[in-house]
Amino acid sequence: ALSDLAGKVDPAAFAEKFGAPIDQLDALVKAKTVTVAKLMEIAPAGTIDPTPSLYNTTMYCMAALLVVAFFANLFMKPVRAHHHHDEPALAAVPVE
């Protein structure tokens, strides 16, 4: 998102704001000098803020996992009776 947004910003405004050319964007991002909010300050009017859509893929993945979990719970059945232990019928283990 930062690369796309930096491509829309005027290079002179970028250099003035951050003190480095756009070519050094990766280094500025790693140093946390450049953020989406700071780029939006110098972006041209009408530029759409990408922040709300940054986690779309993550949210779709989480929703898919919830659907899988729903169906996993839907298909659960009670444990069959022959798997149950009958407590009175269990013999005590002799102590040696």
N, C-alpha and C. Protein backbone atom coordinates (compact mmCIF):
# COMPACT_ATOMS: atom_id res chain seq x y z
N ALA A 1 0.82 -1.19 0.00
CA ALA A 1 0.00 0.00 0.00
C ALA A 1 0.87 1.25 0.00
N LEU A 2 1.98 1.20 0.71
CA LEU A 2 2.86 2.37 0.78
C LEU A 2 3.50 2.66 -0.58
N SER A 3 3.88 1.63 -1.30
CA SER A 3 4.51 1.84 -2.60
C SER A 3 3.54 2.49 -3.58
N ASP A 4 2.31 2.00 -3.60
CA ASP A 4 1.29 2.57 -4.49
C ASP A 4 1.01 4.02 -4.13
N LEU A 5 0.89 4.28 -2.84
CA LEU A 5 0.60 5.63 -2.38
C LEU A 5 1.77 6.56 -2.66
N ALA A 6 3.00 6.09 -2.47
CA ALA A 6 4.18 6.92 -2.74
C ALA A 6 4.30 7.24 -4.22
N GLY A 7 3.81 6.35 -5.07
CA GLY A 7 3.83 6.60 -6.50
C GLY A 7 2.91 7.74 -6.92
N LYS A 8 1.91 8.03 -6.12
CA LYS A 8 0.96 9.10 -6.43
C LYS A 8 1.42 10.46 -5.89
N VAL A 9 2.39 10.43 -5.00
CA VAL A 9 2.86 11.66 -4.36
C VAL A 9 3.90 12.35 -5.24
N ASP A 10 3.88 13.68 -5.21
CA ASP A 10 4.88 14.47 -5.94
C ASP A 10 6.26 14.21 -5.34
N PRO A 11 7.26 13.83 -6.16
CA PRO A 11 8.60 13.54 -5.63
C PRO A 11 9.23 14.71 -4.87
N ALA A 12 8.97 15.94 -5.32
CA ALA A 12 9.54 17.10 -4.63
C ALA A 12 8.90 17.26 -3.25
N ALA A 13 7.60 17.06 -3.15
CA ALA A 13 6.91 17.16 -1.86
C ALA A 13 7.39 16.05 -0.92
N PHE A 14 7.62 14.86 -1.48
CA PHE A 14 8.12 13.74 -0.69
C PHE A 14 9.49 14.06 -0.11
N ALA A 15 10.39 14.56 -0.97
CA ALA A 15 11.75 14.90 -0.52
C ALA A 15 11.73 16.00 0.53
N GLU A 16 10.83 16.96 0.36
CA GLU A 16 10.73 18.06 1.33
C GLU A 16 10.21 17.56 2.67
N LYS A 17 9.22 16.68 2.63
CA LYS A 17 8.60 16.19 3.87
C LYS A 17 9.52 15.24 4.64
N PHE A 18 10.18 14.32 3.92
CA PHE A 18 10.94 13.26 4.58
C PHE A 18 12.46 13.44 4.49
N GLY A 19 12.92 14.40 3.73
CA GLY A 19 14.35 14.66 3.63
C GLY A 19 15.12 13.62 2.85
N ALA A 20 14.44 12.87 2.01
CA ALA A 20 15.08 11.85 1.18
C ALA A 20 14.22 11.62 -0.06
N PRO A 21 14.82 11.16 -1.16
CA PRO A 21 14.03 10.91 -2.36
C PRO A 21 13.16 9.65 -2.22
N ILE A 22 12.22 9.51 -3.13
CA ILE A 22 11.31 8.36 -3.12
C ILE A 22 12.08 7.06 -3.30
N ASP A 23 13.24 7.12 -3.94
CA ASP A 23 14.05 5.91 -4.15
C ASP A 23 14.41 5.24 -2.83
N GLN A 24 14.45 5.98 -1.76
CA GLN A 24 14.81 5.44 -0.44
C GLN A 24 13.59 5.08 0.40
N LEU A 25 12.48 4.84 -0.26
CA LEU A 25 11.23 4.55 0.45
C LEU A 25 11.36 3.35 1.38
N ASP A 26 11.98 2.27 0.92
CA ASP A 26 12.09 1.07 1.75
C ASP A 26 12.85 1.35 3.05
N ALA A 27 13.94 2.09 2.94
CA ALA A 27 14.73 2.41 4.13
C ALA A 27 13.94 3.32 5.08
N LEU A 28 13.19 4.25 4.51
CA LEU A 28 12.39 5.16 5.35
C LEU A 28 11.25 4.42 6.04
N VAL A 29 10.69 3.43 5.37
CA VAL A 29 9.61 2.64 5.97
C VAL A 29 10.19 1.79 7.11
N LYS A 30 11.35 1.18 6.88
CA LYS A 30 11.97 0.36 7.94
C LYS A 30 12.32 1.20 9.16
N ALA A 31 12.70 2.46 8.92
CA ALA A 31 13.03 3.37 10.02
C ALA A 31 11.77 3.98 10.63
N LYS A 32 10.61 3.64 10.08
CA LYS A 32 9.30 4.14 10.53
C LYS A 32 9.19 5.66 10.40
N THR A 33 9.90 6.18 9.40
CA THR A 33 9.80 7.61 9.11
C THR A 33 8.59 7.87 8.22
N VAL A 34 8.35 6.96 7.28
CA VAL A 34 7.22 7.08 6.35
C VAL A 34 6.11 6.15 6.81
N THR A 35 4.92 6.71 6.97
CA THR A 35 3.73 5.93 7.31
C THR A 35 2.62 6.31 6.34
N VAL A 36 1.56 5.54 6.35
CA VAL A 36 0.42 5.84 5.48
C VAL A 36 -0.16 7.20 5.83
N ALA A 37 -0.29 7.48 7.11
CA ALA A 37 -0.87 8.76 7.53
C ALA A 37 -0.02 9.94 7.06
N LYS A 38 1.29 9.82 7.16
CA LYS A 38 2.17 10.91 6.73
C LYS A 38 2.14 11.07 5.21
N LEU A 39 2.05 9.97 4.48
CA LEU A 39 1.94 10.07 3.02
C LEU A 39 0.62 10.69 2.60
N MET A 40 -0.44 10.40 3.36
CA MET A 40 -1.75 10.97 3.02
C MET A 40 -1.75 12.49 3.20
N GLU A 41 -0.89 13.01 4.07
CA GLU A 41 -0.81 14.46 4.27
C GLU A 41 -0.31 15.17 3.02
N ILE A 42 0.56 14.52 2.24
CA ILE A 42 1.11 15.16 1.04
C ILE A 42 0.55 14.58 -0.25
N ALA A 43 -0.38 13.65 -0.13
CA ALA A 43 -1.00 13.05 -1.32
C ALA A 43 -1.90 14.07 -2.00
N PRO A 44 -2.05 13.95 -3.32
CA PRO A 44 -2.94 14.87 -4.02
C PRO A 44 -4.39 14.72 -3.56
N ALA A 45 -5.13 15.79 -3.71
CA ALA A 45 -6.55 15.77 -3.32
C ALA A 45 -7.28 14.69 -4.10
N GLY A 46 -8.16 14.00 -3.43
CA GLY A 46 -8.93 12.94 -4.07
C GLY A 46 -8.29 11.57 -3.97
N THR A 47 -7.11 11.49 -3.38
CA THR A 47 -6.45 10.19 -3.20
C THR A 47 -7.18 9.42 -2.10
N ILE A 48 -7.52 8.18 -2.39
CA ILE A 48 -8.26 7.36 -1.44
C ILE A 48 -7.29 6.76 -0.42
N ASP A 49 -7.64 6.89 0.85
CA ASP A 49 -6.83 6.36 1.94
C ASP A 49 -6.92 4.83 1.93
N PRO A 50 -5.79 4.12 1.78
CA PRO A 50 -5.84 2.65 1.71
C PRO A 50 -5.96 1.96 3.06
N THR A 51 -5.93 2.71 4.14
CA THR A 51 -5.93 2.12 5.48
C THR A 51 -7.12 1.18 5.74
N PRO A 52 -8.36 1.55 5.39
CA PRO A 52 -9.48 0.65 5.70
C PRO A 52 -9.41 -0.70 4.99
N SER A 53 -8.71 -0.78 3.88
CA SER A 53 -8.68 -2.04 3.13
C SER A 53 -7.40 -2.84 3.33
N LEU A 54 -6.55 -2.44 4.26
CA LEU A 54 -5.28 -3.15 4.46
C LEU A 54 -5.48 -4.58 4.94
N TYR A 55 -6.50 -4.82 5.75
CA TYR A 55 -6.69 -6.14 6.34
C TYR A 55 -7.83 -6.92 5.70
N ASN A 56 -8.26 -6.56 4.50
CA ASN A 56 -9.36 -7.27 3.85
C ASN A 56 -9.06 -8.76 3.70
N THR A 57 -7.88 -9.10 3.20
CA THR A 57 -7.54 -10.50 2.98
C THR A 57 -7.54 -11.27 4.30
N THR A 58 -7.02 -10.67 5.33
CA THR A 58 -6.98 -11.32 6.64
C THR A 58 -8.40 -11.57 7.15
N MET A 59 -9.27 -10.60 7.00
CA MET A 59 -10.64 -10.75 7.49
C MET A 59 -11.40 -11.81 6.69
N TYR A 60 -11.18 -11.88 5.37
CA TYR A 60 -11.83 -12.92 4.57
C TYR A 60 -11.34 -14.30 4.99
N CYS A 61 -10.06 -14.42 5.29
CA CYS A 61 -9.49 -15.69 5.75
C CYS A 61 -10.10 -16.08 7.10
N MET A 62 -10.23 -15.12 8.00
CA MET A 62 -10.83 -15.41 9.31
C MET A 62 -12.30 -15.82 9.16
N ALA A 63 -13.02 -15.18 8.25
CA ALA A 63 -14.41 -15.54 8.02
C ALA A 63 -14.52 -16.96 7.47
N ALA A 64 -13.61 -17.32 6.57
CA ALA A 64 -13.61 -18.68 6.02
C ALA A 64 -13.33 -19.71 7.12
N LEU A 65 -12.41 -19.40 8.01
CA LEU A 65 -12.12 -20.31 9.12
C LEU A 65 -13.33 -20.45 10.05
N LEU A 66 -14.07 -19.37 10.25
CA LEU A 66 -15.28 -19.45 11.07
C LEU A 66 -16.34 -20.34 10.42
N VAL A 67 -16.44 -20.29 9.10
CA VAL A 67 -17.39 -21.15 8.38
C VAL A 67 -16.98 -22.61 8.54
N VAL A 68 -15.68 -22.89 8.41
CA VAL A 68 -15.19 -24.26 8.60
C VAL A 68 -15.48 -24.73 10.02
N ALA A 69 -15.24 -23.88 11.00
CA ALA A 69 -15.51 -24.24 12.40
C ALA A 69 -17.00 -24.47 12.63
N PHE A 70 -17.84 -23.66 12.00
CA PHE A 70 -19.29 -23.84 12.14
C PHE A 70 -19.71 -25.22 11.66
N PHE A 71 -19.24 -25.60 10.47
CA PHE A 71 -19.64 -26.91 9.94
C PHE A 71 -19.00 -28.05 10.72
N ALA A 72 -17.80 -27.86 11.25
CA ALA A 72 -17.18 -28.89 12.09
C ALA A 72 -18.03 -29.11 13.34
N ASN A 73 -18.52 -28.05 13.94
CA ASN A 73 -19.38 -28.17 15.11
C ASN A 73 -20.75 -28.72 14.75
N LEU A 74 -21.23 -28.40 13.57
CA LEU A 74 -22.53 -28.87 13.13
C LEU A 74 -22.55 -30.39 12.97
N PHE A 75 -21.44 -30.96 12.52
CA PHE A 75 -21.38 -32.40 12.26
C PHE A 75 -20.93 -33.22 13.47
N MET A 76 -20.74 -32.59 14.61
CA MET A 76 -20.37 -33.35 15.81
C MET A 76 -21.58 -34.11 16.34
N LYS A 77 -21.34 -35.35 16.79
CA LYS A 77 -22.41 -36.18 17.33
C LYS A 77 -22.02 -36.60 18.74
N PRO A 78 -22.99 -37.00 19.54
CA PRO A 78 -22.66 -37.50 20.87
C PRO A 78 -21.81 -38.78 20.76
N VAL A 79 -21.03 -39.03 21.80
CA VAL A 79 -20.21 -40.25 21.84
C VAL A 79 -21.14 -41.45 21.96
N ARG A 80 -20.90 -42.48 21.16
CA ARG A 80 -21.76 -43.66 21.18
C ARG A 80 -21.65 -44.38 22.53
N ALA A 81 -22.72 -45.03 22.90
CA ALA A 81 -22.82 -45.65 24.23
C ALA A 81 -21.76 -46.72 24.45
N HIS A 82 -21.34 -47.44 23.43
CA HIS A 82 -20.37 -48.52 23.65
C HIS A 82 -18.97 -47.97 23.96
N HIS A 83 -18.78 -46.68 23.85
CA HIS A 83 -17.51 -46.07 24.22
C HIS A 83 -17.51 -45.59 25.68
N HIS A 84 -18.67 -45.60 26.31
CA HIS A 84 -18.78 -45.12 27.69
C HIS A 84 -18.26 -46.18 28.66
N HIS A 85 -17.70 -45.75 29.77
CA HIS A 85 -17.26 -46.67 30.82
C HIS A 85 -18.38 -46.81 31.83
N ASP A 86 -18.63 -48.04 32.21
CA ASP A 86 -19.64 -48.30 33.23
C ASP A 86 -18.91 -48.37 34.57
N GLU A 87 -19.01 -47.34 35.38
CA GLU A 87 -18.24 -47.22 36.62
C GLU A 87 -18.43 -48.41 37.58
N PRO A 88 -19.66 -48.84 37.86
CA PRO A 88 -19.79 -49.96 38.81
C PRO A 88 -19.17 -51.25 38.29
N ALA A 89 -19.12 -51.43 37.00
CA ALA A 89 -18.59 -52.67 36.44
C ALA A 89 -17.07 -52.69 36.40
N LEU A 90 -16.43 -51.57 36.62
CA LEU A 90 -14.98 -51.54 36.60
C LEU A 90 -14.43 -52.20 37.86
N ALA A 91 -13.50 -53.08 37.68
CA ALA A 91 -12.91 -53.77 38.84
C ALA A 91 -11.77 -52.94 39.38
N ALA A 92 -11.63 -52.97 40.68
CA ALA A 92 -10.53 -52.24 41.32
C ALA A 92 -9.22 -52.96 41.01
N VAL A 93 -8.20 -52.18 40.79
CA VAL A 93 -6.88 -52.76 40.51
C VAL A 93 -6.25 -53.14 41.85
N PRO A 94 -5.84 -54.41 41.99
CA PRO A 94 -5.25 -54.81 43.28
C PRO A 94 -3.90 -54.12 43.50
N VAL A 95 -3.66 -53.76 44.74
CA VAL A 95 -2.41 -53.09 45.11
C VAL A 95 -1.37 -54.16 45.40
N GLU A 96 -0.20 -54.00 44.88
CA GLU A 96 0.85 -55.00 45.10
C GLU A 96 1.63 -54.70 46.33
